Amino acid sequence: MEIRRITRQDLPALTELFKRSVFEIAGRDYTPAQCAAWTLNAENPQWAERFLSTWTIGAFIADQLAGFANLKSPTQLDCFYVHPDFQRQGVGSALFKAVSEQAQKAKAAFLESDISLTAEPFFRAQGWMALHRNKIQREDQILINTTMRFTFPRMENTAVF
């Protein structure tokens, strides 16, 4: 698996991965109408373009985009999606490790994100804590997600004798 920054050439695959992930994976917890409202903006080319101006990485397996994640700021995880064909193959864990390392390089003490009902178990397993539930209005649909936080362990100054 190769983890690298997303390029302009990756944007069509990123958009397709996003839509498939929402409909095929998150569709277990959200209705088709909710998934359609969630992905509506992905039809606009500017939706994907925004990933070129933020720290966005992709996980590639055999040159295929298997997942992507981006940081909107050092403490704000914006998007985190794994392709339906690459679920439970370590893609999410590899992306989380890379995102965590980048945030810590930027001296972030924590990460926060609005996490879908579907992704909550993964993030809880990584040590994230729920802060509060949200009701998001998209078109005529209400989407439920949870604001979650991951706090990086503090590195204590320890003397070595």
N, C-alpha and C. Protein backbone atom coordinates (compact mmCIF):
# COMPACT_ATOMS: atom_id res chain seq x y z
N MET A 1 0.86 -1.18 0.00
CA MET A 1 0.00 0.00 0.00
C MET A 1 0.89 1.24 0.00
N GLU A 2 0.58 2.17 -0.86
CA GLU A 2 1.32 3.42 -0.92
C GLU A 2 0.40 4.55 -0.42
N ILE A 3 0.90 5.36 0.50
CA ILE A 3 0.18 6.54 0.98
C ILE A 3 0.88 7.75 0.38
N ARG A 4 0.14 8.58 -0.34
CA ARG A 4 0.73 9.78 -0.92
C ARG A 4 -0.31 10.87 -1.06
N ARG A 5 0.18 12.09 -1.30
CA ARG A 5 -0.73 13.23 -1.52
C ARG A 5 -1.55 13.00 -2.78
N ILE A 6 -2.78 13.46 -2.75
CA ILE A 6 -3.68 13.40 -3.90
C ILE A 6 -3.24 14.45 -4.93
N THR A 7 -3.31 14.07 -6.20
CA THR A 7 -3.01 14.99 -7.30
C THR A 7 -4.28 15.24 -8.11
N ARG A 8 -4.20 16.19 -9.00
CA ARG A 8 -5.34 16.50 -9.87
C ARG A 8 -5.80 15.25 -10.64
N GLN A 9 -4.86 14.42 -11.04
CA GLN A 9 -5.21 13.22 -11.80
C GLN A 9 -6.00 12.22 -10.95
N ASP A 10 -5.91 12.31 -9.64
CA ASP A 10 -6.62 11.39 -8.75
C ASP A 10 -8.06 11.82 -8.48
N LEU A 11 -8.42 13.04 -8.83
CA LEU A 11 -9.73 13.57 -8.44
C LEU A 11 -10.92 12.77 -8.98
N PRO A 12 -10.93 12.31 -10.23
CA PRO A 12 -12.08 11.50 -10.67
C PRO A 12 -12.24 10.21 -9.84
N ALA A 13 -11.13 9.55 -9.53
CA ALA A 13 -11.21 8.34 -8.71
C ALA A 13 -11.64 8.67 -7.29
N LEU A 14 -11.18 9.80 -6.76
CA LEU A 14 -11.58 10.22 -5.41
C LEU A 14 -13.09 10.47 -5.36
N THR A 15 -13.62 11.15 -6.36
CA THR A 15 -15.06 11.44 -6.40
C THR A 15 -15.87 10.15 -6.49
N GLU A 16 -15.43 9.24 -7.34
CA GLU A 16 -16.13 7.96 -7.49
C GLU A 16 -16.06 7.15 -6.20
N LEU A 17 -14.90 7.12 -5.56
CA LEU A 17 -14.74 6.41 -4.28
C LEU A 17 -15.69 6.98 -3.24
N PHE A 18 -15.75 8.30 -3.15
CA PHE A 18 -16.63 8.97 -2.19
C PHE A 18 -18.08 8.52 -2.39
N LYS A 19 -18.56 8.61 -3.62
CA LYS A 19 -19.96 8.26 -3.89
C LYS A 19 -20.24 6.79 -3.61
N ARG A 20 -19.35 5.91 -4.05
CA ARG A 20 -19.56 4.47 -3.80
C ARG A 20 -19.52 4.17 -2.31
N SER A 21 -18.60 4.79 -1.60
CA SER A 21 -18.50 4.56 -0.16
C SER A 21 -19.78 4.98 0.56
N VAL A 22 -20.30 6.14 0.20
CA VAL A 22 -21.53 6.61 0.84
C VAL A 22 -22.69 5.67 0.54
N PHE A 23 -22.91 5.36 -0.74
CA PHE A 23 -24.07 4.53 -1.10
C PHE A 23 -23.92 3.07 -0.67
N GLU A 24 -22.72 2.50 -0.83
CA GLU A 24 -22.56 1.07 -0.58
C GLU A 24 -22.19 0.73 0.86
N ILE A 25 -21.52 1.63 1.55
CA ILE A 25 -21.11 1.35 2.92
C ILE A 25 -22.01 2.10 3.91
N ALA A 26 -22.04 3.43 3.80
CA ALA A 26 -22.88 4.20 4.71
C ALA A 26 -24.37 3.95 4.46
N GLY A 27 -24.68 3.45 3.28
CA GLY A 27 -26.06 3.11 2.95
C GLY A 27 -26.67 2.06 3.87
N ARG A 28 -25.83 1.43 4.68
CA ARG A 28 -26.36 0.49 5.68
C ARG A 28 -27.07 1.23 6.82
N ASP A 29 -26.66 2.48 7.04
CA ASP A 29 -27.21 3.26 8.16
C ASP A 29 -28.01 4.48 7.72
N TYR A 30 -27.97 4.79 6.44
CA TYR A 30 -28.67 5.96 5.90
C TYR A 30 -29.52 5.51 4.72
N THR A 31 -30.63 6.19 4.50
CA THR A 31 -31.54 5.84 3.40
C THR A 31 -30.93 6.27 2.06
N PRO A 32 -31.44 5.71 0.95
CA PRO A 32 -30.96 6.16 -0.36
C PRO A 32 -31.14 7.67 -0.56
N ALA A 33 -32.24 8.23 -0.07
CA ALA A 33 -32.46 9.67 -0.20
C ALA A 33 -31.41 10.46 0.61
N GLN A 34 -31.06 9.98 1.79
CA GLN A 34 -30.03 10.64 2.59
C GLN A 34 -28.67 10.55 1.89
N CYS A 35 -28.36 9.38 1.33
CA CYS A 35 -27.09 9.22 0.61
C CYS A 35 -27.04 10.13 -0.61
N ALA A 36 -28.14 10.26 -1.31
CA ALA A 36 -28.19 11.14 -2.48
C ALA A 36 -27.95 12.59 -2.07
N ALA A 37 -28.56 13.02 -0.97
CA ALA A 37 -28.35 14.39 -0.48
C ALA A 37 -26.90 14.59 -0.03
N TRP A 38 -26.32 13.58 0.62
CA TRP A 38 -24.95 13.63 1.11
C TRP A 38 -23.96 13.81 -0.04
N THR A 39 -24.21 13.14 -1.16
CA THR A 39 -23.26 13.15 -2.29
C THR A 39 -23.60 14.16 -3.37
N LEU A 40 -24.66 14.91 -3.21
CA LEU A 40 -25.11 15.82 -4.27
C LEU A 40 -24.01 16.79 -4.72
N ASN A 41 -23.25 17.37 -3.79
CA ASN A 41 -22.23 18.34 -4.16
C ASN A 41 -21.07 17.72 -4.93
N ALA A 42 -20.89 16.41 -4.85
CA ALA A 42 -19.79 15.75 -5.55
C ALA A 42 -19.95 15.82 -7.07
N GLU A 43 -21.13 16.15 -7.53
CA GLU A 43 -21.35 16.32 -8.97
C GLU A 43 -20.73 17.62 -9.48
N ASN A 44 -20.43 18.53 -8.57
CA ASN A 44 -19.82 19.81 -8.92
C ASN A 44 -18.30 19.64 -8.93
N PRO A 45 -17.62 19.95 -10.05
CA PRO A 45 -16.16 19.77 -10.10
C PRO A 45 -15.40 20.49 -8.98
N GLN A 46 -15.93 21.59 -8.49
CA GLN A 46 -15.25 22.30 -7.41
C GLN A 46 -15.24 21.51 -6.10
N TRP A 47 -16.17 20.58 -5.96
CA TRP A 47 -16.18 19.75 -4.76
C TRP A 47 -14.84 19.03 -4.64
N ALA A 48 -14.39 18.38 -5.69
CA ALA A 48 -13.13 17.64 -5.65
C ALA A 48 -11.92 18.57 -5.66
N GLU A 49 -12.02 19.69 -6.34
CA GLU A 49 -10.91 20.64 -6.43
C GLU A 49 -10.44 21.10 -5.05
N ARG A 50 -11.34 21.17 -4.10
CA ARG A 50 -10.97 21.66 -2.77
C ARG A 50 -9.91 20.78 -2.11
N PHE A 51 -9.84 19.51 -2.53
CA PHE A 51 -8.87 18.60 -1.92
C PHE A 51 -7.44 18.92 -2.34
N LEU A 52 -7.28 19.70 -3.39
CA LEU A 52 -5.95 20.10 -3.82
C LEU A 52 -5.39 21.23 -2.97
N SER A 53 -6.26 21.93 -2.25
CA SER A 53 -5.80 23.06 -1.41
C SER A 53 -5.77 22.71 0.07
N THR A 54 -6.06 21.46 0.40
CA THR A 54 -5.94 20.99 1.79
C THR A 54 -4.98 19.81 1.79
N TRP A 55 -4.57 19.40 2.97
CA TRP A 55 -3.67 18.24 3.08
C TRP A 55 -4.52 16.99 2.90
N THR A 56 -4.48 16.44 1.68
CA THR A 56 -5.30 15.28 1.33
C THR A 56 -4.39 14.16 0.85
N ILE A 57 -4.57 12.99 1.44
CA ILE A 57 -3.78 11.83 1.07
C ILE A 57 -4.67 10.71 0.57
N GLY A 58 -4.08 9.85 -0.24
CA GLY A 58 -4.76 8.67 -0.70
C GLY A 58 -3.96 7.44 -0.36
N ALA A 59 -4.67 6.35 -0.15
CA ALA A 59 -4.04 5.04 0.01
C ALA A 59 -4.25 4.31 -1.31
N PHE A 60 -3.15 3.89 -1.92
CA PHE A 60 -3.21 3.24 -3.23
C PHE A 60 -2.74 1.79 -3.11
N ILE A 61 -3.53 0.90 -3.67
CA ILE A 61 -3.17 -0.52 -3.74
C ILE A 61 -3.16 -0.88 -5.22
N ALA A 62 -1.99 -1.32 -5.70
CA ALA A 62 -1.84 -1.66 -7.12
C ALA A 62 -2.35 -0.51 -8.00
N ASP A 63 -1.95 0.71 -7.67
CA ASP A 63 -2.30 1.92 -8.42
C ASP A 63 -3.79 2.27 -8.40
N GLN A 64 -4.57 1.60 -7.57
CA GLN A 64 -5.99 1.95 -7.44
C GLN A 64 -6.19 2.69 -6.12
N LEU A 65 -6.97 3.77 -6.15
CA LEU A 65 -7.28 4.53 -4.95
C LEU A 65 -8.18 3.68 -4.05
N ALA A 66 -7.65 3.30 -2.89
CA ALA A 66 -8.38 2.44 -1.96
C ALA A 66 -9.03 3.23 -0.83
N GLY A 67 -8.59 4.47 -0.62
CA GLY A 67 -9.15 5.31 0.43
C GLY A 67 -8.50 6.67 0.39
N PHE A 68 -9.15 7.64 1.04
CA PHE A 68 -8.56 8.97 1.13
C PHE A 68 -9.00 9.64 2.43
N ALA A 69 -8.19 10.60 2.84
CA ALA A 69 -8.49 11.39 4.05
C ALA A 69 -7.91 12.76 3.85
N ASN A 70 -8.53 13.75 4.50
CA ASN A 70 -7.93 15.09 4.43
C ASN A 70 -8.11 15.84 5.73
N LEU A 71 -7.13 16.70 5.96
CA LEU A 71 -7.16 17.61 7.11
C LEU A 71 -7.52 18.99 6.59
N LYS A 72 -8.57 19.55 7.16
CA LYS A 72 -8.98 20.93 6.84
C LYS A 72 -8.08 21.91 7.57
N SER A 73 -7.61 21.50 8.74
CA SER A 73 -6.67 22.26 9.56
C SER A 73 -5.90 21.22 10.37
N PRO A 74 -4.88 21.62 11.13
CA PRO A 74 -4.13 20.63 11.90
C PRO A 74 -4.99 19.82 12.87
N THR A 75 -6.13 20.36 13.30
CA THR A 75 -6.96 19.65 14.26
C THR A 75 -8.29 19.17 13.69
N GLN A 76 -8.57 19.43 12.41
CA GLN A 76 -9.88 19.12 11.83
C GLN A 76 -9.77 18.10 10.70
N LEU A 77 -10.18 16.87 10.99
CA LEU A 77 -10.28 15.84 9.96
C LEU A 77 -11.59 16.08 9.22
N ASP A 78 -11.50 16.33 7.93
CA ASP A 78 -12.69 16.68 7.15
C ASP A 78 -13.31 15.44 6.52
N CYS A 79 -12.57 14.72 5.69
CA CYS A 79 -13.09 13.55 5.00
C CYS A 79 -12.21 12.34 5.28
N PHE A 80 -12.85 11.17 5.33
CA PHE A 80 -12.14 9.92 5.60
C PHE A 80 -13.01 8.81 5.01
N TYR A 81 -12.60 8.28 3.86
CA TYR A 81 -13.42 7.29 3.16
C TYR A 81 -12.55 6.15 2.65
N VAL A 82 -13.07 4.93 2.73
CA VAL A 82 -12.42 3.75 2.20
C VAL A 82 -13.32 3.14 1.13
N HIS A 83 -12.72 2.79 0.02
CA HIS A 83 -13.44 2.19 -1.12
C HIS A 83 -14.14 0.90 -0.67
N PRO A 84 -15.36 0.65 -1.13
CA PRO A 84 -16.08 -0.56 -0.74
C PRO A 84 -15.30 -1.85 -1.01
N ASP A 85 -14.49 -1.89 -2.06
CA ASP A 85 -13.73 -3.10 -2.39
C ASP A 85 -12.51 -3.31 -1.49
N PHE A 86 -12.19 -2.32 -0.65
CA PHE A 86 -10.99 -2.40 0.18
C PHE A 86 -11.29 -2.28 1.67
N GLN A 87 -12.53 -2.55 2.05
CA GLN A 87 -12.90 -2.53 3.46
C GLN A 87 -12.18 -3.65 4.20
N ARG A 88 -11.81 -3.38 5.45
CA ARG A 88 -11.21 -4.38 6.35
C ARG A 88 -9.91 -4.98 5.81
N GLN A 89 -9.13 -4.12 5.14
CA GLN A 89 -7.82 -4.54 4.63
C GLN A 89 -6.70 -3.64 5.14
N GLY A 90 -6.97 -2.88 6.19
CA GLY A 90 -5.94 -2.03 6.78
C GLY A 90 -5.83 -0.65 6.18
N VAL A 91 -6.67 -0.33 5.21
CA VAL A 91 -6.62 0.98 4.56
C VAL A 91 -6.95 2.09 5.55
N GLY A 92 -8.04 1.93 6.28
CA GLY A 92 -8.44 2.95 7.26
C GLY A 92 -7.37 3.16 8.32
N SER A 93 -6.81 2.08 8.81
CA SER A 93 -5.76 2.18 9.84
C SER A 93 -4.53 2.90 9.30
N ALA A 94 -4.15 2.61 8.05
CA ALA A 94 -3.00 3.28 7.45
C ALA A 94 -3.27 4.76 7.24
N LEU A 95 -4.47 5.09 6.80
CA LEU A 95 -4.83 6.50 6.63
C LEU A 95 -4.83 7.23 7.97
N PHE A 96 -5.41 6.59 9.00
CA PHE A 96 -5.46 7.23 10.32
C PHE A 96 -4.05 7.47 10.86
N LYS A 97 -3.15 6.51 10.67
CA LYS A 97 -1.77 6.67 11.11
C LYS A 97 -1.12 7.87 10.42
N ALA A 98 -1.30 7.98 9.11
CA ALA A 98 -0.70 9.09 8.36
C ALA A 98 -1.29 10.43 8.77
N VAL A 99 -2.60 10.48 8.95
CA VAL A 99 -3.27 11.72 9.37
C VAL A 99 -2.78 12.12 10.77
N SER A 100 -2.68 11.16 11.66
CA SER A 100 -2.21 11.43 13.03
C SER A 100 -0.79 11.98 13.02
N GLU A 101 0.07 11.38 12.22
CA GLU A 101 1.45 11.85 12.14
C GLU A 101 1.52 13.28 11.62
N GLN A 102 0.71 13.57 10.59
CA GLN A 102 0.70 14.93 10.04
C GLN A 102 0.20 15.93 11.07
N ALA A 103 -0.86 15.60 11.78
CA ALA A 103 -1.41 16.51 12.80
C ALA A 103 -0.39 16.75 13.91
N GLN A 104 0.29 15.70 14.33
CA GLN A 104 1.29 15.85 15.39
C GLN A 104 2.49 16.68 14.92
N LYS A 105 2.87 16.54 13.64
CA LYS A 105 3.94 17.38 13.09
C LYS A 105 3.56 18.85 13.19
N ALA A 106 2.25 19.13 13.04
CA ALA A 106 1.75 20.50 13.12
C ALA A 106 1.46 20.92 14.56
N LYS A 107 1.88 20.09 15.51
CA LYS A 107 1.75 20.37 16.95
C LYS A 107 0.30 20.35 17.45
N ALA A 108 -0.56 19.62 16.75
CA ALA A 108 -1.95 19.49 17.21
C ALA A 108 -1.99 18.59 18.44
N ALA A 109 -2.80 18.96 19.41
CA ALA A 109 -2.98 18.15 20.61
C ALA A 109 -4.13 17.15 20.45
N PHE A 110 -4.97 17.38 19.43
CA PHE A 110 -6.14 16.53 19.21
C PHE A 110 -6.57 16.63 17.76
N LEU A 111 -7.46 15.73 17.37
CA LEU A 111 -8.17 15.79 16.09
C LEU A 111 -9.66 15.74 16.39
N GLU A 112 -10.45 16.49 15.63
CA GLU A 112 -11.91 16.41 15.73
C GLU A 112 -12.49 16.19 14.35
N SER A 113 -13.65 15.56 14.32
CA SER A 113 -14.34 15.34 13.05
C SER A 113 -15.79 15.00 13.32
N ASP A 114 -16.63 15.26 12.33
CA ASP A 114 -18.02 14.82 12.37
C ASP A 114 -18.05 13.46 11.68
N ILE A 115 -18.38 12.43 12.43
CA ILE A 115 -18.25 11.04 12.00
C ILE A 115 -19.63 10.44 11.74
N SER A 116 -19.76 9.77 10.60
CA SER A 116 -21.03 9.12 10.27
C SER A 116 -21.34 8.00 11.25
N LEU A 117 -22.60 7.63 11.31
CA LEU A 117 -23.02 6.50 12.14
C LEU A 117 -22.26 5.24 11.74
N THR A 118 -22.02 5.08 10.46
CA THR A 118 -21.35 3.90 9.93
C THR A 118 -19.89 3.83 10.38
N ALA A 119 -19.21 4.98 10.40
CA ALA A 119 -17.78 5.01 10.71
C ALA A 119 -17.50 5.07 12.21
N GLU A 120 -18.51 5.34 13.03
CA GLU A 120 -18.28 5.46 14.47
C GLU A 120 -17.53 4.28 15.08
N PRO A 121 -17.91 3.03 14.79
CA PRO A 121 -17.18 1.91 15.41
C PRO A 121 -15.69 1.91 15.07
N PHE A 122 -15.34 2.23 13.84
CA PHE A 122 -13.92 2.30 13.47
C PHE A 122 -13.20 3.36 14.30
N PHE A 123 -13.78 4.55 14.38
CA PHE A 123 -13.12 5.64 15.10
C PHE A 123 -13.06 5.36 16.61
N ARG A 124 -14.10 4.76 17.16
CA ARG A 124 -14.05 4.37 18.58
C ARG A 124 -12.90 3.39 18.82
N ALA A 125 -12.73 2.45 17.90
CA ALA A 125 -11.66 1.45 18.04
C ALA A 125 -10.27 2.09 17.97
N GLN A 126 -10.19 3.26 17.32
CA GLN A 126 -8.92 3.98 17.23
C GLN A 126 -8.69 4.87 18.46
N GLY A 127 -9.68 4.95 19.36
CA GLY A 127 -9.53 5.73 20.57
C GLY A 127 -10.25 7.07 20.57
N TRP A 128 -11.09 7.31 19.56
CA TRP A 128 -11.85 8.56 19.51
C TRP A 128 -13.00 8.51 20.51
N MET A 129 -13.36 9.67 21.05
CA MET A 129 -14.46 9.80 22.01
C MET A 129 -15.56 10.68 21.40
N ALA A 130 -16.81 10.29 21.64
CA ALA A 130 -17.95 11.08 21.16
C ALA A 130 -18.11 12.32 22.01
N LEU A 131 -18.34 13.46 21.35
CA LEU A 131 -18.61 14.72 22.06
C LEU A 131 -20.10 15.05 22.03
N HIS A 132 -20.72 14.97 20.84
CA HIS A 132 -22.16 15.22 20.73
C HIS A 132 -22.69 14.77 19.38
N ARG A 133 -24.00 14.50 19.34
CA ARG A 133 -24.69 14.13 18.10
C ARG A 133 -25.08 15.39 17.36
N ASN A 134 -25.15 15.27 16.03
CA ASN A 134 -25.53 16.39 15.18
C ASN A 134 -26.65 15.96 14.23
N LYS A 135 -27.50 16.90 13.90
CA LYS A 135 -28.50 16.72 12.85
C LYS A 135 -28.14 17.72 11.76
N ILE A 136 -27.75 17.20 10.60
CA ILE A 136 -27.30 18.03 9.49
C ILE A 136 -28.40 18.04 8.42
N GLN A 137 -28.80 19.23 8.01
CA GLN A 137 -29.79 19.37 6.94
C GLN A 137 -29.07 19.42 5.60
N ARG A 138 -29.39 18.47 4.73
CA ARG A 138 -28.88 18.45 3.35
C ARG A 138 -30.09 18.29 2.45
N GLU A 139 -30.32 19.32 1.63
CA GLU A 139 -31.53 19.31 0.81
C GLU A 139 -32.73 19.13 1.74
N ASP A 140 -33.59 18.16 1.46
CA ASP A 140 -34.75 17.92 2.32
C ASP A 140 -34.51 16.76 3.29
N GLN A 141 -33.27 16.40 3.49
CA GLN A 141 -32.93 15.25 4.34
C GLN A 141 -32.20 15.69 5.61
N ILE A 142 -32.40 14.95 6.67
CA ILE A 142 -31.67 15.15 7.92
C ILE A 142 -30.69 13.98 8.06
N LEU A 143 -29.41 14.30 8.21
CA LEU A 143 -28.38 13.29 8.40
C LEU A 143 -27.88 13.40 9.84
N ILE A 144 -27.75 12.26 10.48
CA ILE A 144 -27.24 12.21 11.86
C ILE A 144 -25.76 11.82 11.80
N ASN A 145 -24.92 12.56 12.52
CA ASN A 145 -23.54 12.16 12.71
C ASN A 145 -23.11 12.55 14.12
N THR A 146 -21.87 12.24 14.45
CA THR A 146 -21.38 12.49 15.80
C THR A 146 -20.06 13.25 15.73
N THR A 147 -19.96 14.35 16.42
CA THR A 147 -18.67 15.02 16.55
C THR A 147 -17.84 14.21 17.53
N MET A 148 -16.66 13.81 17.06
CA MET A 148 -15.78 12.98 17.88
C MET A 148 -14.40 13.63 17.97
N ARG A 149 -13.67 13.25 19.01
CA ARG A 149 -12.33 13.81 19.23
C ARG A 149 -11.35 12.69 19.59
N PHE A 150 -10.17 12.83 19.00
CA PHE A 150 -9.05 11.97 19.36
C PHE A 150 -7.99 12.86 19.99
N THR A 151 -7.59 12.56 21.20
CA THR A 151 -6.56 13.34 21.89
C THR A 151 -5.25 12.57 21.84
N PHE A 152 -4.23 13.23 21.35
CA PHE A 152 -2.92 12.58 21.26
C PHE A 152 -2.33 12.43 22.65
N PRO A 153 -1.69 11.31 22.89
CA PRO A 153 -1.04 11.13 24.20
C PRO A 153 0.01 12.21 24.40
N ARG A 154 0.07 12.73 25.61
CA ARG A 154 1.07 13.76 25.93
C ARG A 154 2.41 13.09 26.12
N MET A 155 3.40 13.70 25.55
CA MET A 155 4.76 13.20 25.73
C MET A 155 5.37 13.93 26.92
N GLU A 156 5.62 13.20 27.96
CA GLU A 156 6.20 13.80 29.16
C GLU A 156 7.72 13.89 28.99
N ASN A 157 8.28 14.94 29.54
CA ASN A 157 9.73 15.04 29.54
C ASN A 157 10.23 14.12 30.64
N THR A 158 10.87 13.06 30.22
CA THR A 158 11.38 12.10 31.20
C THR A 158 12.89 12.05 31.09
N ALA A 159 13.51 12.10 32.22
CA ALA A 159 14.97 12.01 32.26
C ALA A 159 15.39 10.54 32.15
N VAL A 160 16.45 10.32 31.43
CA VAL A 160 16.97 8.97 31.28
C VAL A 160 18.25 8.90 32.10
N PHE A 161 18.31 7.96 33.03
CA PHE A 161 19.49 7.82 33.90
C PHE A 161 20.26 6.59 33.54
